[in-house]
Protein backbone atom coordinates (compact mmCIF):
# COMPACT_ATOMS: atom_id res chain seq x y z
CA MET A 1 0.19 0.14 -0.06
CA LYS A 2 1.13 3.49 -0.82
CA PRO A 3 1.53 6.13 1.71
CA ALA A 4 -1.57 8.75 1.96
CA HIS A 5 0.53 11.69 0.40
CA LEU A 6 1.20 9.10 -2.61
CA ALA A 7 -1.73 7.47 -2.78
CA HIS A 8 -3.72 10.19 -4.99
CA PRO A 9 -2.27 9.71 -8.37
CA GLY A 10 -1.06 13.41 -9.72
CA PRO A 11 -0.87 13.99 -13.17
CA SER A 12 1.55 12.67 -15.32
CA ALA A 13 4.31 14.56 -17.29
CA THR A 14 2.28 14.15 -20.21
CA GLN A 15 -0.35 16.12 -18.48
CA SER A 16 1.12 18.83 -16.80
CA ALA A 17 3.01 20.09 -19.61
CA PRO A 18 0.04 21.30 -22.03
CA ILE A 19 -1.49 23.26 -18.27
CA SER A 20 2.37 24.42 -18.13
CA ASP A 21 2.60 25.91 -21.56
CA ARG A 22 -0.93 27.79 -21.67
CA HIS A 23 0.20 29.14 -18.15
CA ARG A 24 3.53 30.14 -19.72
CA HIS A 25 1.54 31.57 -22.92
CA THR A 26 -1.05 33.37 -20.89
CA THR A 27 1.66 34.86 -18.39
CA GLY A 28 3.48 35.83 -21.57
CA LYS A 29 0.71 37.41 -23.03
CA TYR A 30 -0.81 39.26 -20.36
CA GLY A 31 2.94 39.74 -18.35
CA SER A 32 3.64 42.32 -21.08
CA ILE A 33 0.52 44.29 -20.68
CA ILE A 34 0.50 44.15 -16.92
CA ALA A 35 4.62 45.26 -17.33
CA LEU A 36 3.31 47.84 -19.66
CA LEU A 37 0.56 49.11 -17.46
CA MET A 38 2.85 49.15 -14.27
CA LEU A 39 5.81 50.99 -16.00
CA PHE A 40 3.18 53.30 -17.10
CA THR A 41 1.75 53.56 -13.62
CA VAL A 42 5.21 54.30 -12.03
CA GLY A 43 6.00 56.72 -14.39
CA SER A 44 2.64 58.83 -14.28
CA ALA A 45 3.43 58.63 -10.14
CA CYS A 46 7.03 59.93 -10.65
CA ALA A 47 5.74 62.82 -12.94
CA ASP A 48 3.09 63.68 -10.62
CA LEU A 49 5.97 63.67 -7.52
CA LYS A 50 8.14 65.82 -10.05
CA ALA A 51 5.15 68.21 -10.92
CA GLU A 52 3.99 68.44 -6.97
CA SER A 53 7.93 69.07 -6.31
CA ASP A 54 7.91 72.12 -8.77
CA VAL A 55 4.78 73.33 -7.35
CA GLN A 56 6.40 73.47 -3.40
CA ARG A 57 9.59 74.64 -4.97
CA GLY A 58 7.43 77.39 -6.68
CA ARG A 59 5.61 78.22 -3.63
CA TYR A 60 8.92 78.54 -1.29
CA LEU A 61 10.62 80.72 -4.55
CA ILE A 62 7.58 83.22 -4.59
CA GLN A 63 8.09 83.57 -0.70
CA VAL A 64 11.78 84.18 -0.71
CA SER A 65 12.00 86.18 -3.71
CA GLY A 66 9.34 88.80 -2.56
CA CYS A 67 6.71 88.61 -5.34
CA ASN A 68 4.16 88.48 -2.94
CA ASP A 69 5.54 91.85 -1.53
CA CYS A 70 3.92 93.75 -4.74
CA HIS A 71 1.84 91.30 -6.18
CA THR A 72 -0.32 90.08 -3.50
CA PRO A 73 -2.58 92.70 -1.91
CA GLY A 74 -1.85 93.74 1.40
CA TYR A 75 1.03 91.11 1.80
CA MET A 76 3.89 94.05 3.34
CA GLU A 77 1.39 95.66 5.66
CA THR A 78 0.41 92.71 7.26
CA ASP A 79 4.09 90.90 7.58
CA GLY A 80 2.95 88.34 4.97
CA LYS A 81 -0.05 87.17 6.67
CA VAL A 82 -2.54 86.65 3.87
CA ASP A 83 -4.33 84.02 2.99
CA GLU A 84 -2.59 81.62 0.23
CA LYS A 85 -5.97 81.98 -1.98
CA LEU A 86 -5.16 85.50 -2.52
CA TRP A 87 -1.67 85.43 -3.55
CA LEU A 88 -0.63 87.09 -6.66
CA THR A 89 -3.63 88.62 -7.66
CA GLY A 90 -2.13 91.89 -8.14
CA SER A 91 -2.39 95.01 -6.42
CA GLN A 92 -4.54 98.44 -6.82
CA LEU A 93 -1.17 100.37 -5.49
CA GLY A 94 0.32 102.34 -8.08
CA TRP A 95 3.78 102.83 -8.25
CA ARG A 96 4.68 106.29 -9.21
CA GLY A 97 8.55 107.37 -10.22
CA PRO A 98 10.05 109.06 -13.32
CA TRP A 99 8.36 106.22 -15.42
CA GLY A 100 4.91 107.10 -14.52
CA THR A 101 2.63 104.84 -12.36
CA THR A 102 2.85 100.95 -12.32
CA TYR A 103 0.97 98.60 -10.93
CA ALA A 104 1.79 95.09 -10.01
CA SER A 105 -0.13 92.67 -12.23
CA ASN A 106 -2.43 90.13 -11.09
CA LEU A 107 0.15 87.21 -12.10
CA ARG A 108 -2.63 84.38 -11.67
CA LEU A 109 -4.32 85.89 -14.62
CA VAL A 110 -1.62 86.70 -16.76
CA VAL A 111 -0.23 82.95 -16.49
CA GLN A 112 -3.17 81.14 -17.24
CA ASN A 113 -3.15 82.27 -20.66
CA LEU A 114 0.94 81.42 -21.35
CA THR A 115 3.14 78.70 -22.61
CA GLU A 116 5.65 77.47 -20.74
CA GLN A 117 8.24 79.40 -23.46
CA GLN A 118 5.88 82.31 -23.35
CA TRP A 119 6.45 82.26 -19.41
CA LEU A 120 10.13 82.25 -20.02
CA SER A 121 10.05 84.87 -22.11
CA HIS A 122 7.80 87.24 -20.31
CA ALA A 123 9.13 86.79 -16.93
CA ARG A 124 12.80 87.72 -18.47
CA GLY A 125 11.61 90.86 -20.24
CA PRO A 126 12.24 94.17 -19.35
CA TRP A 127 9.60 95.49 -17.25
CA ARG A 128 9.24 98.93 -15.80
CA PRO A 129 10.05 100.05 -12.35
CA PRO A 130 9.81 98.72 -9.38
CA MET A 131 9.76 95.13 -11.01
CA PRO A 132 12.97 93.71 -10.58
CA TRP A 133 12.62 91.79 -13.91
CA PHE A 134 16.91 91.84 -13.97
CA ASN A 135 16.85 89.40 -11.11
CA LEU A 136 14.15 86.84 -12.72
CA ARG A 137 16.64 87.38 -16.09
CA LYS A 138 19.28 85.59 -14.07
CA MET A 139 17.35 82.62 -12.51
CA ARG A 140 17.72 79.36 -14.10
CA ASP A 141 15.19 78.09 -16.07
CA GLU A 142 14.10 75.30 -13.82
CA ASP A 143 13.19 77.76 -10.96
CA LEU A 144 11.42 79.87 -13.19
CA MET A 145 9.36 76.73 -14.20
CA ALA A 146 8.34 76.08 -10.83
CA ILE A 147 7.26 79.65 -10.24
CA PHE A 148 5.06 78.79 -13.42
CA ARG A 149 3.87 75.67 -12.09
CA TYR A 150 3.17 77.13 -8.96
CA ILE A 151 0.82 79.98 -9.86
CA ARG A 152 -0.92 77.63 -12.54
CA HIS A 153 -1.49 75.69 -9.56
CA LEU A 154 -3.59 78.59 -7.48
CA GLY A 155 -5.52 78.96 -10.53
CA PRO A 156 -7.07 82.34 -11.92
CA SER A 157 -8.55 84.41 -9.32
CA GLY A 158 -9.14 88.01 -9.06
CA ALA A 159 -9.38 91.26 -11.69
CA PRO A 160 -6.54 92.73 -13.91
CA ALA A 161 -4.24 95.23 -12.29
CA PRO A 162 -5.14 98.82 -13.48
CA LEU A 163 -3.14 99.88 -16.40
CA TYR A 164 -0.06 101.95 -16.33
CA LEU A 165 -0.08 105.62 -16.44
CA PRO A 166 2.49 107.80 -17.92
CA PRO A 167 4.22 110.68 -15.96
CA ASP A 168 2.22 113.26 -16.92
CA GLN A 169 -1.26 111.50 -15.52
CA MET A 170 -1.92 111.59 -11.85
CA PRO A 171 -2.90 108.36 -10.56
CA LYS A 172 -6.31 108.37 -8.67
CA MET A 173 -5.80 105.40 -6.52
CA PRO A 174 -3.09 105.18 -3.86
CA TYR A 175 0.23 105.20 -4.86
CA ALA A 176 4.12 104.73 -3.46
CA GLN A 177 5.87 107.80 -4.48
CA PHE A 178 9.32 107.12 -5.13
CA PRO A 179 12.21 110.08 -5.63
CA GLY A 180 13.31 111.30 -8.73
CA ALA A 181 11.64 114.24 -11.18
CA VAL A 182 8.14 113.43 -11.93
CA PRO A 183 6.51 115.84 -14.70
């Protein structure tokens, strides 16, 4: 008599081969699809992490570069204690000097209509004072793109800033007067 574990006959070698081949064929067929899906998922997750990292870096750069000082209403007056939902929505405060009167633009509206390449050109273009565009010109593309992604992450909000006034026009809204001759 055979021991209990051998008493029940298993499949013969010839019977198990087709099952194994079928399994290998199925695994090979679907394994490739599964592997591609896993690569896509991992790649997508890495892209999501990179995008989130860019957004956080952009937020940091906005804070340390002083962008909120002018482009966020009430930021300087409250020592930076402005709800983030108001960040970069522009300002009604004019900056008056020999160049005329400028207003900090609502970057959240500006950026919504720009491509990444347009943003790089926009950020580095010459602007009227007091915008320190010459500092942005020295930023690496990666830093400017992180700022762009952060602003896009915030989404559009607020209204456009008032338009520039030439030196011979007196602003009607509150303004800060810079030293220098104003006609």
